[in-house]
Amino acid sequence: MAEGGEEDMPRDGKIVKELLRSMNIDDYEPQVVHQFLELWYQYVADVLTDAQMYSEHAEKSAIDSDDIKLAIQSKVNFSFSQPPPREVLLELARSRNKVPLPKSISGPGISLPPEQYTLINPNYQLVVPKRQSSPRAEETEDDEEAAGLRNNDQTDLPPDTPHRISFPLVGTKDSK
């Protein structure tokens, strides 16, 4: 940490550096001092704004120490939360640990859901335009209908509706 320019530093910056030294923090970026100062200035501005609102609400002509104490207490209550007491946490842990974990169905390793339920399962949908009807195409369609190859849900579609075909890109375990 370069000490150059410390005599040009404002008093608050010197206080921050001294606080860091008192906590045995000697190696830090110079920007840390500026960040602490910004945080502290913002905190003080928020407390004084709240104290001013409390003073105005009490119809006082100026902010007094009670307004500032109330503003600080309000900040502490809403900004910093205290953890629950140790006894409460232990009781919660006991009650939670009474419920056994579910038995593992799969073997060792990471258990993943079946491929059809994952977002990484590659499947694609192609839009196949319907061919213009020609005498030969009509004969083919009649042959397909006779052979039962045509999809029943597509027979109610208008004649110019393209067919949609969905398929997985890589063969699934079922197709092997």
Protein backbone atom coordinates (compact mmCIF):
# COMPACT_ATOMS: atom_id res chain seq x y z
CA MET A 1 0.00 0.00 0.00
CA ALA A 2 1.53 3.23 -1.12
CA GLU A 3 1.57 5.89 1.57
CA GLY A 4 2.17 8.76 -0.86
CA GLY A 5 -0.28 11.62 -0.70
CA GLU A 6 -1.51 10.94 2.82
CA GLU A 7 -0.86 14.54 3.86
CA ASP A 8 -3.27 15.67 1.12
CA MET A 9 -5.95 13.25 2.29
CA PRO A 10 -8.98 14.68 4.13
CA ARG A 11 -9.36 14.00 7.85
CA ASP A 12 -12.12 11.38 7.26
CA GLY A 13 -9.86 9.47 4.87
CA LYS A 14 -7.10 9.41 7.49
CA ILE A 15 -9.61 8.08 10.03
CA VAL A 16 -10.58 5.26 7.65
CA LYS A 17 -6.93 4.35 7.13
CA GLU A 18 -6.34 4.37 10.89
CA LEU A 19 -9.38 2.11 11.41
CA LEU A 20 -8.02 -0.33 8.83
CA ARG A 21 -4.61 -0.30 10.55
CA SER A 22 -6.25 -0.93 13.95
CA MET A 23 -7.88 -4.07 12.50
CA ASN A 24 -4.43 -5.24 11.23
CA ILE A 25 -5.40 -4.66 7.60
CA ASP A 26 -2.30 -3.33 5.89
CA ASP A 27 -2.73 -4.51 2.30
CA TYR A 28 -5.76 -3.03 0.51
CA GLU A 29 -6.61 -1.17 -2.65
CA PRO A 30 -6.60 2.64 -2.38
CA GLN A 31 -10.20 2.65 -3.64
CA VAL A 32 -11.30 0.92 -0.40
CA VAL A 33 -10.89 4.18 1.52
CA HIS A 34 -13.13 6.01 -0.96
CA GLN A 35 -15.74 3.24 -0.83
CA PHE A 36 -15.86 3.35 2.97
CA LEU A 37 -16.21 7.12 2.91
CA GLU A 38 -19.04 6.92 0.37
CA LEU A 39 -20.82 4.29 2.47
CA TRP A 40 -20.48 6.34 5.64
CA TYR A 41 -21.58 9.59 4.00
CA GLN A 42 -24.65 7.84 2.55
CA TYR A 43 -25.49 6.35 5.95
CA VAL A 44 -25.16 9.72 7.70
CA ALA A 45 -27.27 11.43 5.02
CA ASP A 46 -30.00 8.78 5.41
CA VAL A 47 -30.00 9.08 9.21
CA LEU A 48 -30.18 12.88 9.07
CA THR A 49 -32.99 12.78 6.49
CA ASP A 50 -34.97 10.42 8.72
CA ALA A 51 -34.22 12.58 11.77
CA GLN A 52 -35.49 15.64 9.90
CA MET A 53 -38.73 13.82 9.04
CA TYR A 54 -39.18 12.80 12.70
CA SER A 55 -38.53 16.36 13.80
CA GLU A 56 -41.06 17.74 11.30
CA HIS A 57 -43.60 15.15 12.38
CA ALA A 58 -43.15 16.23 16.02
CA GLU A 59 -43.54 19.85 14.83
CA LYS A 60 -40.13 20.85 16.20
CA SER A 61 -38.22 23.79 14.79
CA ALA A 62 -34.87 21.92 14.71
CA ILE A 63 -33.50 18.40 14.84
CA ASP A 64 -32.49 17.32 18.35
CA SER A 65 -30.60 14.32 19.71
CA ASP A 66 -33.82 12.33 20.29
CA ASP A 67 -34.68 12.56 16.57
CA ILE A 68 -31.20 11.34 15.63
CA LYS A 69 -31.36 8.47 18.16
CA LEU A 70 -34.76 7.45 16.80
CA ALA A 71 -33.47 7.58 13.21
CA ILE A 72 -30.42 5.46 14.09
CA GLN A 73 -32.57 2.96 15.98
CA SER A 74 -34.93 2.76 13.02
CA LYS A 75 -32.01 2.12 10.65
CA VAL A 76 -30.63 -0.60 12.94
CA ASN A 77 -34.03 -2.29 13.24
CA PHE A 78 -34.73 -2.34 9.51
CA SER A 79 -31.25 -2.59 8.00
CA PHE A 80 -29.57 -5.11 10.23
CA SER A 81 -31.37 -8.22 11.35
CA GLN A 82 -30.35 -10.22 14.37
CA PRO A 83 -30.13 -14.00 13.98
CA PRO A 84 -32.59 -16.00 16.06
CA PRO A 85 -31.37 -17.25 19.44
CA ARG A 86 -29.29 -20.42 19.47
CA GLU A 87 -31.99 -22.39 21.33
CA VAL A 88 -34.55 -21.63 18.63
CA LEU A 89 -32.16 -22.76 15.90
CA LEU A 90 -31.35 -25.98 17.77
CA GLU A 91 -35.05 -26.77 18.23
CA LEU A 92 -35.71 -26.16 14.53
CA ALA A 93 -32.79 -28.43 13.62
CA ARG A 94 -34.06 -31.20 15.92
CA SER A 95 -37.57 -31.08 14.49
CA ARG A 96 -36.27 -31.01 10.91
CA ASN A 97 -33.85 -33.86 11.48
CA LYS A 98 -36.62 -36.09 12.88
CA VAL A 99 -37.98 -36.46 9.34
CA PRO A 100 -35.84 -39.04 7.52
CA LEU A 101 -34.51 -38.31 4.07
CA PRO A 102 -36.22 -40.13 1.19
CA LYS A 103 -34.60 -43.33 0.00
CA SER A 104 -32.43 -42.92 -3.06
CA ILE A 105 -33.97 -44.72 -6.02
CA SER A 106 -31.01 -44.38 -8.31
CA GLY A 107 -27.51 -45.65 -7.81
CA PRO A 108 -24.43 -43.61 -7.08
CA GLY A 109 -23.77 -40.40 -8.96
CA ILE A 110 -25.97 -37.50 -9.91
CA SER A 111 -29.60 -38.44 -10.42
CA LEU A 112 -31.19 -36.62 -13.32
CA PRO A 113 -34.79 -36.62 -14.51
CA PRO A 114 -35.68 -38.63 -17.62
CA GLU A 115 -34.56 -37.03 -20.87
CA GLN A 116 -38.07 -36.16 -22.03
CA TYR A 117 -38.44 -33.87 -18.99
CA THR A 118 -35.20 -31.94 -19.43
CA LEU A 119 -34.56 -28.78 -21.37
CA ILE A 120 -31.32 -30.15 -22.77
CA ASN A 121 -33.07 -32.93 -24.68
CA PRO A 122 -32.63 -31.79 -28.27
CA ASN A 123 -35.81 -31.95 -30.27
CA TYR A 124 -36.65 -30.01 -33.35
CA GLN A 125 -39.79 -29.17 -35.22
CA LEU A 126 -39.73 -28.80 -38.97
CA VAL A 127 -42.45 -27.20 -41.02
CA VAL A 128 -42.94 -29.19 -44.18
CA PRO A 129 -44.97 -27.28 -46.75
CA LYS A 130 -47.76 -29.24 -48.32
CA ARG A 131 -47.22 -29.99 -51.99
CA GLN A 132 -49.50 -28.58 -54.62
CA SER A 133 -52.03 -31.16 -55.56
CA SER A 134 -51.43 -32.83 -58.88
CA PRO A 135 -53.10 -35.92 -60.29
CA ARG A 136 -50.08 -37.98 -59.18
CA ALA A 137 -50.11 -36.44 -55.66
CA GLU A 138 -53.81 -37.20 -55.27
CA GLU A 139 -53.14 -40.83 -56.13
CA THR A 140 -50.34 -40.94 -53.52
CA GLU A 141 -52.57 -39.36 -50.85
CA ASP A 142 -55.29 -41.90 -51.61
CA ASP A 143 -52.72 -44.70 -51.32
CA GLU A 144 -51.49 -43.31 -47.97
CA GLU A 145 -55.04 -43.08 -46.64
CA ALA A 146 -55.70 -46.62 -47.73
CA ALA A 147 -52.52 -47.84 -46.07
CA GLY A 148 -53.39 -45.93 -42.86
CA LEU A 149 -50.21 -43.85 -43.01
CA ARG A 150 -51.92 -40.50 -42.69
CA ASN A 151 -52.15 -38.88 -39.27
CA ASN A 152 -55.76 -38.71 -38.07
CA ASP A 153 -55.40 -35.31 -36.40
CA GLN A 154 -54.21 -33.66 -39.61
CA THR A 155 -57.23 -34.63 -41.72
CA ASP A 156 -59.32 -31.78 -40.28
CA LEU A 157 -56.75 -29.13 -41.24
CA PRO A 158 -57.26 -26.84 -44.23
CA PRO A 159 -55.55 -28.08 -47.39
CA ASP A 160 -52.81 -25.38 -47.41
CA THR A 161 -51.68 -25.94 -43.77
CA PRO A 162 -48.04 -27.08 -43.57
CA HIS A 163 -47.23 -30.28 -41.68
CA ARG A 164 -45.15 -30.06 -38.49
CA ILE A 165 -42.78 -32.91 -37.73
CA SER A 166 -41.13 -33.21 -34.31
CA PHE A 167 -38.21 -35.52 -33.67
CA PRO A 168 -35.17 -35.79 -31.42
CA LEU A 169 -31.87 -34.90 -33.03
CA VAL A 170 -29.94 -37.71 -31.37
CA GLY A 171 -31.41 -41.16 -31.08
CA THR A 172 -32.95 -41.82 -27.69
CA LYS A 173 -32.47 -45.01 -25.71
CA ASP A 174 -35.91 -46.18 -26.88
CA SER A 175 -34.92 -46.03 -30.55
CA LYS A 176 -31.73 -48.11 -30.09
